[in-house]
N, C-alpha and C. Protein backbone atom coordinates (compact mmCIF):
# COMPACT_ATOMS: atom_id res chain seq x y z
N LYS A 1 -38.71 -40.08 21.58
CA LYS A 1 -38.01 -38.80 21.62
C LYS A 1 -36.53 -39.05 21.84
N ARG A 2 -35.73 -38.23 21.21
CA ARG A 2 -34.29 -38.37 21.32
C ARG A 2 -33.80 -37.72 22.61
N LYS A 3 -33.02 -38.46 23.38
CA LYS A 3 -32.48 -37.92 24.61
C LYS A 3 -31.23 -37.11 24.32
N MET A 4 -31.08 -36.06 25.09
CA MET A 4 -29.96 -35.14 24.92
C MET A 4 -29.13 -35.15 26.20
N GLN A 5 -28.02 -34.43 26.14
CA GLN A 5 -27.24 -34.21 27.35
C GLN A 5 -27.11 -32.71 27.58
N LEU A 6 -27.11 -32.34 28.84
CA LEU A 6 -26.97 -30.95 29.26
C LEU A 6 -25.75 -30.88 30.16
N MET A 7 -24.79 -30.03 29.80
CA MET A 7 -23.57 -29.88 30.58
C MET A 7 -23.36 -28.41 30.90
N VAL A 8 -22.97 -28.15 32.12
CA VAL A 8 -22.68 -26.78 32.55
C VAL A 8 -21.24 -26.74 33.04
N TYR A 9 -20.46 -25.87 32.42
CA TYR A 9 -19.06 -25.64 32.80
C TYR A 9 -18.94 -24.22 33.33
N VAL A 10 -17.93 -23.96 34.16
CA VAL A 10 -17.61 -22.59 34.58
C VAL A 10 -16.14 -22.33 34.29
N SER A 11 -15.85 -21.06 34.00
CA SER A 11 -14.46 -20.66 33.79
C SER A 11 -14.37 -19.14 33.89
N THR A 12 -13.14 -18.67 33.95
CA THR A 12 -12.90 -17.23 33.95
C THR A 12 -12.72 -16.71 32.53
N GLN A 13 -12.83 -17.61 31.54
CA GLN A 13 -12.70 -17.24 30.14
C GLN A 13 -14.07 -17.11 29.50
N GLU A 14 -14.30 -16.03 28.77
CA GLU A 14 -15.60 -15.85 28.11
C GLU A 14 -15.77 -16.78 26.92
N LYS A 15 -14.69 -17.04 26.20
CA LYS A 15 -14.75 -17.91 25.03
C LYS A 15 -14.77 -19.36 25.48
N SER A 16 -15.55 -20.18 24.80
CA SER A 16 -15.72 -21.56 25.23
C SER A 16 -15.05 -22.57 24.32
N SER A 17 -13.99 -22.18 23.62
CA SER A 17 -13.38 -23.08 22.64
C SER A 17 -12.50 -24.17 23.28
N LEU A 18 -11.82 -23.88 24.36
CA LEU A 18 -10.94 -24.86 24.98
C LEU A 18 -11.57 -25.38 26.26
N MET A 19 -12.19 -26.55 26.17
CA MET A 19 -12.90 -27.10 27.32
C MET A 19 -11.95 -27.54 28.43
N THR A 20 -10.68 -27.71 28.12
CA THR A 20 -9.73 -28.12 29.16
C THR A 20 -9.52 -27.02 30.19
N GLN A 21 -9.85 -25.77 29.85
CA GLN A 21 -9.72 -24.65 30.80
C GLN A 21 -11.00 -24.44 31.60
N HIS A 22 -12.01 -25.27 31.40
CA HIS A 22 -13.30 -25.11 32.05
C HIS A 22 -13.51 -26.24 33.06
N LYS A 23 -14.31 -25.97 34.07
CA LYS A 23 -14.62 -26.97 35.08
C LYS A 23 -16.07 -27.41 34.93
N LEU A 24 -16.28 -28.70 34.75
CA LEU A 24 -17.63 -29.25 34.64
C LEU A 24 -18.28 -29.24 36.02
N ILE A 25 -19.45 -28.59 36.15
CA ILE A 25 -20.13 -28.55 37.44
C ILE A 25 -21.48 -29.27 37.40
N PHE A 26 -21.97 -29.59 36.21
CA PHE A 26 -23.24 -30.30 36.10
C PHE A 26 -23.29 -31.05 34.78
N ASN A 27 -23.80 -32.30 34.83
CA ASN A 27 -23.92 -33.11 33.61
C ASN A 27 -25.17 -33.98 33.74
N GLU A 28 -26.14 -33.73 32.88
CA GLU A 28 -27.37 -34.52 32.84
C GLU A 28 -27.39 -35.23 31.49
N THR A 29 -27.30 -36.56 31.51
CA THR A 29 -27.18 -37.31 30.25
C THR A 29 -28.52 -37.78 29.71
N ASN A 30 -29.58 -37.67 30.47
CA ASN A 30 -30.90 -38.10 30.00
C ASN A 30 -31.86 -36.92 29.90
N PHE A 31 -31.40 -35.85 29.34
CA PHE A 31 -32.20 -34.63 29.22
C PHE A 31 -33.12 -34.74 28.01
N MET A 32 -34.41 -34.55 28.23
CA MET A 32 -35.37 -34.57 27.13
C MET A 32 -35.43 -33.18 26.50
N ARG A 33 -35.54 -33.13 25.21
CA ARG A 33 -35.48 -31.87 24.46
C ARG A 33 -36.49 -30.84 24.96
N ASN A 34 -37.68 -31.25 25.33
CA ASN A 34 -38.68 -30.31 25.83
C ASN A 34 -38.79 -30.34 27.35
N GLY A 35 -37.80 -30.93 28.00
CA GLY A 35 -37.82 -31.05 29.45
C GLY A 35 -37.29 -29.82 30.14
N THR A 36 -37.50 -29.80 31.45
CA THR A 36 -36.94 -28.73 32.27
C THR A 36 -36.18 -29.35 33.43
N ILE A 37 -35.17 -28.64 33.88
CA ILE A 37 -34.36 -29.07 35.01
C ILE A 37 -34.16 -27.87 35.92
N SER A 38 -34.30 -28.11 37.20
CA SER A 38 -34.02 -27.07 38.19
C SER A 38 -33.06 -27.66 39.21
N ARG A 39 -31.87 -27.09 39.32
CA ARG A 39 -30.86 -27.58 40.26
C ARG A 39 -30.20 -26.38 40.94
N GLU A 40 -29.82 -26.59 42.17
CA GLU A 40 -29.01 -25.61 42.88
C GLU A 40 -27.59 -26.14 42.87
N LEU A 41 -26.65 -25.35 42.36
CA LEU A 41 -25.26 -25.79 42.23
C LEU A 41 -24.36 -24.89 43.06
N ASN A 42 -23.40 -25.49 43.74
CA ASN A 42 -22.39 -24.74 44.46
C ASN A 42 -21.17 -24.61 43.56
N VAL A 43 -20.65 -23.40 43.47
CA VAL A 43 -19.50 -23.13 42.60
C VAL A 43 -18.40 -22.52 43.45
N THR A 44 -17.20 -23.07 43.35
CA THR A 44 -16.05 -22.48 44.01
C THR A 44 -15.57 -21.31 43.17
N ILE A 45 -15.49 -20.15 43.80
CA ILE A 45 -15.09 -18.93 43.07
C ILE A 45 -13.56 -18.88 43.04
N PRO A 46 -12.96 -18.83 41.84
CA PRO A 46 -11.50 -18.74 41.73
C PRO A 46 -10.98 -17.42 42.30
N GLN A 47 -9.73 -17.42 42.71
CA GLN A 47 -9.11 -16.23 43.28
C GLN A 47 -9.15 -15.06 42.29
N SER A 48 -8.96 -15.33 41.00
CA SER A 48 -8.98 -14.25 40.01
C SER A 48 -10.35 -13.57 39.96
N THR A 49 -11.40 -14.33 40.21
CA THR A 49 -12.75 -13.75 40.24
C THR A 49 -12.94 -12.97 41.53
N LEU A 50 -12.42 -13.50 42.63
CA LEU A 50 -12.51 -12.77 43.91
C LEU A 50 -11.76 -11.45 43.85
N ASN A 51 -10.74 -11.37 42.99
CA ASN A 51 -9.99 -10.13 42.81
C ASN A 51 -10.66 -9.25 41.75
N ASN A 52 -11.99 -9.29 41.70
CA ASN A 52 -12.81 -8.49 40.81
C ASN A 52 -12.72 -8.91 39.35
N GLY A 53 -12.73 -10.21 39.12
CA GLY A 53 -12.78 -10.75 37.77
C GLY A 53 -14.20 -11.20 37.46
N THR A 54 -14.39 -11.82 36.32
CA THR A 54 -15.70 -12.32 35.91
C THR A 54 -15.65 -13.84 35.81
N LEU A 55 -16.71 -14.49 36.26
CA LEU A 55 -16.84 -15.94 36.14
C LEU A 55 -17.99 -16.22 35.19
N TYR A 56 -17.76 -17.11 34.22
CA TYR A 56 -18.74 -17.41 33.18
C TYR A 56 -19.27 -18.83 33.31
N ALA A 57 -20.53 -19.02 32.96
CA ALA A 57 -21.13 -20.34 32.81
C ALA A 57 -21.22 -20.63 31.32
N HIS A 58 -20.82 -21.84 30.94
CA HIS A 58 -20.91 -22.30 29.55
C HIS A 58 -21.86 -23.49 29.56
N ILE A 59 -23.00 -23.34 28.92
CA ILE A 59 -24.04 -24.36 28.93
C ILE A 59 -24.09 -25.01 27.55
N PHE A 60 -23.97 -26.33 27.54
CA PHE A 60 -24.00 -27.10 26.30
C PHE A 60 -25.19 -28.04 26.34
N VAL A 61 -25.98 -28.05 25.27
CA VAL A 61 -27.06 -29.01 25.09
C VAL A 61 -26.85 -29.65 23.73
N GLY A 62 -26.81 -30.99 23.71
CA GLY A 62 -26.58 -31.68 22.45
C GLY A 62 -26.84 -33.16 22.56
N PRO A 63 -26.55 -33.89 21.50
CA PRO A 63 -26.78 -35.33 21.48
C PRO A 63 -25.98 -36.04 22.57
N GLN A 64 -26.53 -37.14 23.09
CA GLN A 64 -25.86 -37.89 24.15
C GLN A 64 -24.50 -38.43 23.74
N ASP A 65 -24.35 -38.76 22.49
CA ASP A 65 -23.13 -39.42 22.06
C ASP A 65 -22.00 -38.46 21.68
N LYS A 66 -22.17 -37.17 21.93
CA LYS A 66 -21.14 -36.19 21.58
C LYS A 66 -20.58 -35.56 22.85
N SER A 67 -19.34 -35.15 22.77
CA SER A 67 -18.68 -34.46 23.87
C SER A 67 -18.35 -33.04 23.43
N PRO A 68 -18.51 -32.04 24.30
CA PRO A 68 -18.19 -30.67 23.88
C PRO A 68 -16.72 -30.49 23.52
N GLU A 69 -15.85 -31.38 24.01
CA GLU A 69 -14.43 -31.30 23.64
C GLU A 69 -14.21 -31.58 22.17
N LYS A 70 -15.20 -32.25 21.52
CA LYS A 70 -15.05 -32.65 20.12
C LYS A 70 -16.06 -31.96 19.21
N ILE A 71 -16.54 -30.80 19.63
CA ILE A 71 -17.55 -30.09 18.84
C ILE A 71 -16.93 -29.48 17.59
N SER A 72 -17.61 -29.62 16.49
CA SER A 72 -17.24 -28.91 15.27
C SER A 72 -18.44 -28.05 14.88
N ASN A 73 -18.28 -27.25 13.87
CA ASN A 73 -19.38 -26.38 13.43
C ASN A 73 -20.57 -27.18 12.92
N HIS A 74 -20.37 -28.45 12.61
CA HIS A 74 -21.45 -29.27 12.06
C HIS A 74 -22.21 -30.05 13.12
N ASP A 75 -21.70 -30.10 14.34
CA ASP A 75 -22.39 -30.82 15.40
C ASP A 75 -23.63 -30.07 15.84
N LYS A 76 -24.60 -30.79 16.32
CA LYS A 76 -25.88 -30.20 16.71
C LYS A 76 -25.89 -29.86 18.20
N PHE A 77 -25.01 -28.96 18.60
CA PHE A 77 -24.93 -28.50 19.98
C PHE A 77 -25.43 -27.06 20.06
N THR A 78 -26.13 -26.77 21.14
CA THR A 78 -26.47 -25.38 21.46
C THR A 78 -25.54 -24.97 22.58
N ILE A 79 -24.89 -23.83 22.42
CA ILE A 79 -23.93 -23.36 23.41
C ILE A 79 -24.34 -21.97 23.85
N ILE A 80 -24.46 -21.80 25.16
CA ILE A 80 -24.79 -20.49 25.73
C ILE A 80 -23.72 -20.13 26.75
N THR A 81 -23.21 -18.92 26.68
CA THR A 81 -22.25 -18.42 27.66
C THR A 81 -22.88 -17.22 28.36
N ALA A 82 -22.83 -17.24 29.69
CA ALA A 82 -23.43 -16.15 30.48
C ALA A 82 -22.54 -15.83 31.67
N PRO A 83 -22.37 -14.55 31.99
CA PRO A 83 -21.58 -14.20 33.18
C PRO A 83 -22.34 -14.53 34.46
N LEU A 84 -21.64 -15.14 35.41
CA LEU A 84 -22.22 -15.40 36.73
C LEU A 84 -21.87 -14.27 37.69
N THR A 85 -20.73 -13.65 37.46
CA THR A 85 -20.31 -12.47 38.23
C THR A 85 -19.88 -11.43 37.22
N LYS A 86 -19.73 -10.20 37.66
CA LYS A 86 -19.34 -9.14 36.72
C LYS A 86 -18.30 -8.24 37.35
N TYR A 87 -17.29 -7.93 36.58
CA TYR A 87 -16.24 -7.02 37.02
C TYR A 87 -16.83 -5.63 37.22
N LEU A 88 -16.53 -5.03 38.35
CA LEU A 88 -16.95 -3.65 38.61
C LEU A 88 -15.71 -2.78 38.68
N ILE A 89 -15.77 -1.63 38.05
CA ILE A 89 -14.65 -0.70 38.05
C ILE A 89 -14.51 -0.12 39.46
N PRO A 90 -13.31 -0.22 40.03
CA PRO A 90 -13.12 0.36 41.36
C PRO A 90 -13.28 1.88 41.32
N PHE A 91 -13.70 2.45 42.41
CA PHE A 91 -13.85 3.89 42.45
C PHE A 91 -13.06 4.46 43.60
N ALA A 92 -12.59 5.68 43.42
CA ALA A 92 -11.75 6.33 44.42
C ALA A 92 -12.60 7.25 45.29
N ALA A 93 -12.03 7.60 46.43
CA ALA A 93 -12.70 8.57 47.29
C ALA A 93 -12.72 9.92 46.58
N GLU A 94 -13.73 10.70 46.87
CA GLU A 94 -13.85 12.04 46.27
C GLU A 94 -13.34 13.08 47.25
N PHE A 95 -12.71 14.11 46.70
CA PHE A 95 -12.22 15.21 47.53
C PHE A 95 -13.27 16.31 47.55
N ASN A 96 -13.73 16.68 48.73
CA ASN A 96 -14.73 17.73 48.90
C ASN A 96 -13.99 19.05 49.04
N LEU A 97 -14.15 19.93 48.05
CA LEU A 97 -13.46 21.22 48.07
C LEU A 97 -13.95 22.11 49.21
N ALA A 98 -15.21 21.98 49.59
CA ALA A 98 -15.77 22.83 50.66
C ALA A 98 -15.19 22.47 52.03
N THR A 99 -15.01 21.17 52.29
CA THR A 99 -14.53 20.75 53.61
C THR A 99 -13.04 20.42 53.61
N GLY A 100 -12.46 20.19 52.44
CA GLY A 100 -11.05 19.83 52.35
C GLY A 100 -10.78 18.40 52.77
N GLU A 101 -11.83 17.55 52.77
CA GLU A 101 -11.69 16.17 53.20
C GLU A 101 -12.06 15.22 52.07
N TYR A 102 -11.52 14.01 52.18
CA TYR A 102 -11.89 12.96 51.24
C TYR A 102 -13.15 12.27 51.74
N GLU A 103 -14.05 11.93 50.81
CA GLU A 103 -15.28 11.22 51.14
C GLU A 103 -15.36 9.97 50.28
N GLU A 104 -15.86 8.89 50.88
CA GLU A 104 -16.04 7.66 50.11
C GLU A 104 -17.17 7.84 49.12
N ASN A 105 -16.97 7.38 47.90
CA ASN A 105 -17.98 7.41 46.86
C ASN A 105 -18.60 6.02 46.82
N ASN A 106 -19.82 5.87 47.29
CA ASN A 106 -20.46 4.57 47.35
C ASN A 106 -21.34 4.27 46.14
N MET A 107 -21.23 5.04 45.12
CA MET A 107 -22.02 4.82 43.91
C MET A 107 -21.29 3.79 43.03
N PRO A 108 -21.86 2.61 42.84
CA PRO A 108 -21.19 1.62 41.98
C PRO A 108 -21.19 2.08 40.53
N ARG A 109 -20.15 1.67 39.82
CA ARG A 109 -20.04 1.98 38.40
C ARG A 109 -20.11 0.68 37.63
N ALA A 110 -20.86 0.70 36.57
CA ALA A 110 -20.97 -0.48 35.71
C ALA A 110 -19.75 -0.61 34.85
N GLU A 111 -19.50 -1.81 34.42
CA GLU A 111 -18.41 -2.08 33.48
C GLU A 111 -18.71 -1.38 32.16
N PRO A 112 -17.74 -0.71 31.55
CA PRO A 112 -18.00 -0.06 30.25
C PRO A 112 -18.34 -1.09 29.19
N GLU A 113 -19.25 -0.74 28.33
CA GLU A 113 -19.69 -1.67 27.27
C GLU A 113 -18.83 -1.48 26.04
């Protein structure tokens, strides 16, 4: 069986074209195509994400002898991008006309699609 490599990068960018802007957090060079891996990874959250940004994971699976920095459309890499955190729209306090007071609105709002 042909051995593959599995690499996981994180970044605040959704697009995965420039690997220099991504941080490698996991690299398995002896990954079997039908194998499974379970790992717990610690990720440092960038300040931009702490300020209500989104952090993405970019997962690359491909031949051992290739690097994601040199991927072309013809290389046999599978690339998956998934958000690890999600931006939430801030919400303001609501003004109650009956009492004349502001009340906190604790209902979270999803990011618009």
